[in-house]
Amino acid sequence: MRREGFRKIYDLTERVIPSQHLERRFDVEETLDWACNGALDRLGFATAGEIAAFWALVTPEEAKAWCTQALAQGRVIEVAVEGADGSLRRGFARPGLLDEPVPEPGDRLRVLSPFDPALRDRKRAERLFGFHYRIEIYVPEPQRRYGYYVFPVLEGARLIGRIDIKAEGRSKVGFNPPHGTLALRAFWPEPGVSMGKGRLVRLEAELERVARFAGCDRITRATDWLRQAG
């Protein structure tokens, strides 16, 4: 595979995948079990609907049936997951998950990709974090609430806002020396999030990390970059 601008150019399937794998066939039950197991292992815990949505290979009814069977076989346990609003929702997890120690997340700020695993299921993210997020690249400019490509910002285990940053005139990632500008256009904290001195220091540290990753040696800030809470 190669890229030509925004286009992806693929080779013929039979020249990439060995025949012993390409010609292998799986029955429906085997595929369903693989898909549901894989979804749950990646999500950690999930409702039947979230398991079904992960690969888009399984219907909600098939996922419910799989959960019922896996529960009876002892392959999963039933859990109650608390959402951001305090409500509990039935879900499933692997046996022993609740016995594992949970590390403290720390207070570092992290700029997340819009396609980060924590956000790929927008409904799940909103239920767990109380964070409503939509990428607006396909929204007409006059109708955008935030911007063309705005990144969620995570602090510890809480999504605290979203940020509009852009690398301008940069060198390619990994090239030395870095050359370019990371432009901070806007930051919108979530309601109830105050941008005190400590949080601003952590945001600055994260901007410096992103600048290095993007091959930029400078950071600029719009004069009105700190916006009203969303």
Protein backbone atom coordinates (compact mmCIF):
# COMPACT_ATOMS: atom_id res chain seq x y z
CA MET A 1 0.00 0.00 0.00
CA ARG A 2 1.10 3.56 -0.64
CA ARG A 3 -0.36 7.04 -0.52
CA GLU A 4 -0.66 9.58 -3.28
CA GLY A 5 -1.90 12.72 -1.59
CA PHE A 6 -5.15 11.78 0.11
CA ARG A 7 -5.54 8.62 -1.97
CA LYS A 8 -4.55 5.16 -0.74
CA ILE A 9 -3.28 2.72 -3.37
CA TYR A 10 -3.61 -0.98 -2.49
CA ASP A 11 -2.00 -4.08 -4.00
CA LEU A 12 -4.02 -7.13 -5.06
CA THR A 13 -5.28 -9.12 -2.07
CA GLU A 14 -3.80 -12.43 -3.26
CA ARG A 15 -0.34 -10.87 -3.52
CA VAL A 16 -0.41 -9.69 0.09
CA ILE A 17 -2.20 -12.38 2.13
CA PRO A 18 -0.73 -15.91 2.01
CA SER A 19 -3.09 -18.42 0.42
CA GLN A 20 -3.41 -20.56 3.58
CA HIS A 21 -4.98 -17.56 5.30
CA LEU A 22 -6.81 -16.06 2.35
CA GLU A 23 -8.57 -19.30 1.44
CA ARG A 24 -9.51 -20.27 5.00
CA ARG A 25 -13.23 -20.09 5.77
CA PHE A 26 -14.93 -19.67 9.15
CA ASP A 27 -18.48 -20.55 10.10
CA VAL A 28 -20.87 -17.94 11.49
CA GLU A 29 -20.62 -19.10 15.13
CA GLU A 30 -16.82 -19.02 15.05
CA THR A 31 -16.79 -15.52 13.57
CA LEU A 32 -19.37 -14.27 16.07
CA ASP A 33 -17.40 -15.67 19.02
CA TRP A 34 -14.16 -14.13 17.73
CA ALA A 35 -15.80 -10.73 17.23
CA CYS A 36 -17.49 -10.61 20.64
CA ASN A 37 -14.41 -11.87 22.50
CA GLY A 38 -12.18 -9.39 20.70
CA ALA A 39 -14.52 -6.48 21.37
CA LEU A 40 -14.81 -7.22 25.09
CA ASP A 41 -11.06 -7.72 25.49
CA ARG A 42 -10.39 -4.34 23.90
CA LEU A 43 -13.13 -2.47 25.75
CA GLY A 44 -12.43 -4.00 29.17
CA PHE A 45 -16.11 -3.87 30.07
CA ALA A 46 -19.09 -3.27 27.82
CA THR A 47 -22.79 -3.60 27.30
CA ALA A 48 -24.05 -6.05 24.71
CA GLY A 49 -24.79 -3.11 22.43
CA GLU A 50 -21.23 -1.80 22.71
CA ILE A 51 -19.87 -5.25 21.91
CA ALA A 52 -22.06 -5.39 18.82
CA ALA A 53 -21.01 -1.92 17.68
CA PHE A 54 -17.26 -2.46 18.05
CA TRP A 55 -16.64 -4.31 14.79
CA ALA A 56 -20.05 -3.75 13.14
CA LEU A 57 -20.02 -7.49 12.36
CA VAL A 58 -22.51 -8.59 14.98
CA THR A 59 -26.13 -7.60 15.45
CA PRO A 60 -27.35 -6.43 18.89
CA GLU A 61 -29.43 -9.60 19.16
CA GLU A 62 -26.40 -11.81 18.40
CA ALA A 63 -24.31 -9.92 20.95
CA LYS A 64 -27.01 -10.36 23.62
CA ALA A 65 -27.16 -14.09 22.89
CA TRP A 66 -23.37 -14.35 23.07
CA CYS A 67 -23.29 -12.53 26.42
CA THR A 68 -25.95 -14.83 27.85
CA GLN A 69 -24.04 -17.93 26.70
CA ALA A 70 -20.65 -16.62 27.85
CA LEU A 71 -22.15 -15.73 31.25
CA ALA A 72 -23.54 -19.24 31.65
CA GLN A 73 -20.14 -20.70 30.70
CA GLY A 74 -18.28 -18.51 33.19
CA ARG A 75 -16.31 -16.72 30.49
CA VAL A 76 -17.72 -13.34 31.53
CA ILE A 77 -19.26 -11.83 34.65
CA GLU A 78 -22.02 -9.29 34.98
CA VAL A 79 -21.02 -5.84 36.25
CA ALA A 80 -22.82 -2.59 37.03
CA VAL A 81 -21.03 0.37 35.45
CA GLU A 82 -21.62 3.85 36.84
CA GLY A 83 -21.97 6.61 34.28
CA ALA A 84 -21.07 10.27 34.57
CA ASP A 85 -24.60 11.05 35.77
CA GLY A 86 -24.40 8.49 38.59
CA SER A 87 -26.74 5.97 36.97
CA LEU A 88 -25.81 2.29 36.79
CA ARG A 89 -25.92 0.26 33.62
CA ARG A 90 -25.59 -3.50 33.18
CA GLY A 91 -22.46 -4.63 31.42
CA PHE A 92 -20.08 -7.55 31.08
CA ALA A 93 -16.40 -8.07 31.87
CA ARG A 94 -13.86 -10.86 32.26
CA PRO A 95 -13.76 -12.77 35.56
CA GLY A 96 -11.20 -11.24 37.89
CA LEU A 97 -11.32 -7.78 36.34
CA LEU A 98 -12.69 -6.22 39.53
CA ASP A 99 -9.91 -7.86 41.57
CA GLU A 100 -7.13 -6.15 39.63
CA PRO A 101 -5.64 -3.02 41.21
CA VAL A 102 -6.51 0.17 39.36
CA PRO A 103 -3.52 2.54 39.01
CA GLU A 104 -4.02 6.19 39.79
CA PRO A 105 -4.29 8.09 36.48
CA GLY A 106 -2.24 11.10 37.61
CA ASP A 107 -2.98 14.70 36.68
CA ARG A 108 -1.12 15.04 33.39
CA LEU A 109 -3.05 16.71 30.57
CA ARG A 110 -3.15 14.76 27.31
CA VAL A 111 -4.32 15.90 23.91
CA LEU A 112 -6.21 12.96 22.43
CA SER A 113 -6.83 12.04 18.83
CA PRO A 114 -10.50 12.26 17.81
CA PHE A 115 -10.10 8.54 17.04
CA ASP A 116 -8.62 7.57 20.41
CA PRO A 117 -10.04 4.24 21.71
CA ALA A 118 -11.65 6.10 24.62
CA LEU A 119 -13.68 8.18 22.15
CA ARG A 120 -14.31 5.94 19.13
CA ASP A 121 -17.77 5.11 20.49
CA ARG A 122 -19.13 8.63 21.01
CA LYS A 123 -22.22 7.44 22.92
CA ARG A 124 -20.11 5.35 25.30
CA ALA A 125 -17.74 8.28 25.91
CA GLU A 126 -20.65 10.57 26.69
CA ARG A 127 -22.20 8.05 29.07
CA LEU A 128 -18.94 7.35 30.94
CA PHE A 129 -17.35 10.81 30.89
CA GLY A 130 -20.30 13.14 30.35
CA PHE A 131 -18.38 14.50 27.35
CA HIS A 132 -20.32 15.24 24.16
CA TYR A 133 -17.90 15.16 21.24
CA ARG A 134 -18.33 15.29 17.49
CA ILE A 135 -15.60 15.82 14.92
CA GLU A 136 -16.68 18.71 12.70
CA ILE A 137 -14.58 18.23 9.57
CA TYR A 138 -17.71 17.30 7.59
CA VAL A 139 -19.88 20.04 9.12
CA PRO A 140 -20.28 23.20 7.00
CA GLU A 141 -18.13 25.96 8.50
CA PRO A 142 -21.03 28.26 9.51
CA GLN A 143 -22.58 25.38 11.47
CA ARG A 144 -19.46 24.35 13.42
CA ARG A 145 -19.60 24.87 17.14
CA TYR A 146 -15.87 24.61 17.75
CA GLY A 147 -13.77 24.10 14.63
CA TYR A 148 -12.60 21.96 11.73
CA TYR A 149 -10.36 19.61 13.72
CA VAL A 150 -10.61 20.04 17.49
CA PHE A 151 -8.92 17.63 19.91
CA PRO A 152 -10.34 16.38 23.23
CA VAL A 153 -8.19 17.01 26.32
CA LEU A 154 -7.89 14.42 29.08
CA GLU A 155 -6.74 15.14 32.62
CA GLY A 156 -6.32 12.01 34.69
CA ALA A 157 -9.59 10.13 34.15
CA ARG A 158 -11.63 13.21 33.22
CA LEU A 159 -12.18 14.89 29.86
CA ILE A 160 -11.84 18.57 30.74
CA GLY A 161 -12.10 20.37 27.43
CA ARG A 162 -11.19 20.57 23.78
CA ILE A 163 -8.41 22.36 21.98
CA ASP A 164 -7.90 23.77 18.48
CA ILE A 165 -4.22 23.47 17.55
CA LYS A 166 -2.52 23.30 14.18
CA ALA A 167 1.03 22.58 13.02
CA GLU A 168 2.08 25.17 10.46
CA GLY A 169 5.18 25.12 8.24
CA ARG A 170 6.48 22.09 10.06
CA SER A 171 9.14 19.58 9.13
CA LYS A 172 8.14 15.94 8.77
CA VAL A 173 7.71 14.03 12.02
CA GLY A 174 11.02 12.51 13.06
CA PHE A 175 13.12 14.89 10.94
CA ASN A 176 15.79 16.95 12.66
CA PRO A 177 16.05 19.71 13.42
CA PRO A 178 12.35 20.46 14.00
CA HIS A 179 11.07 23.47 12.15
CA GLY A 180 7.57 24.86 12.30
CA THR A 181 4.95 26.43 14.51
CA LEU A 182 2.30 24.84 16.69
CA ALA A 183 -0.50 27.40 16.68
CA LEU A 184 -2.89 27.36 19.64
CA ARG A 185 -6.09 28.84 18.33
CA ALA A 186 -8.56 28.09 21.11
CA PHE A 187 -9.20 26.03 24.21
CA TRP A 188 -12.70 25.42 25.56
CA PRO A 189 -12.84 24.04 29.12
CA GLU A 190 -15.83 21.94 30.06
CA PRO A 191 -18.44 23.52 32.35
CA GLY A 192 -17.16 23.54 35.93
CA VAL A 193 -13.50 23.31 34.87
CA SER A 194 -11.42 26.30 35.99
CA MET A 195 -8.09 26.98 34.32
CA GLY A 196 -6.01 27.76 37.36
CA LYS A 197 -2.26 28.20 37.49
CA GLY A 198 -1.46 24.52 37.98
CA ARG A 199 -3.69 23.39 35.13
CA LEU A 200 -2.25 26.04 32.81
CA VAL A 201 1.26 24.80 33.61
CA ARG A 202 0.24 21.23 32.75
CA LEU A 203 -1.41 22.43 29.53
CA GLU A 204 1.80 24.22 28.56
CA ALA A 205 3.82 21.04 29.19
CA GLU A 206 1.46 19.07 26.95
CA LEU A 207 1.68 21.68 24.18
CA GLU A 208 5.46 21.38 24.28
CA ARG A 209 5.20 17.59 23.98
CA VAL A 210 2.78 17.86 21.04
CA ALA A 211 5.05 20.43 19.36
CA ARG A 212 8.02 18.05 19.57
CA PHE A 213 5.93 15.19 18.20
CA ALA A 214 4.67 17.34 15.32
CA GLY A 215 8.16 18.56 14.39
CA CYS A 216 7.59 22.14 15.54
CA ASP A 217 10.11 24.30 17.38
CA ARG A 218 7.76 27.19 18.28
CA ILE A 219 4.37 27.64 19.91
CA THR A 220 2.14 30.61 19.22
CA ARG A 221 -1.10 31.52 20.94
CA ALA A 222 -4.06 33.53 19.75
CA THR A 223 -4.78 36.46 22.04
CA ASP A 224 -8.25 35.10 22.83
CA TRP A 225 -7.31 31.41 22.95
CA LEU A 226 -8.95 30.69 26.33
CA ARG A 227 -12.65 30.60 25.50
CA GLN A 228 -15.79 30.45 27.57
CA ALA A 229 -16.62 27.04 29.00
CA GLY A 230 -18.61 24.97 26.51
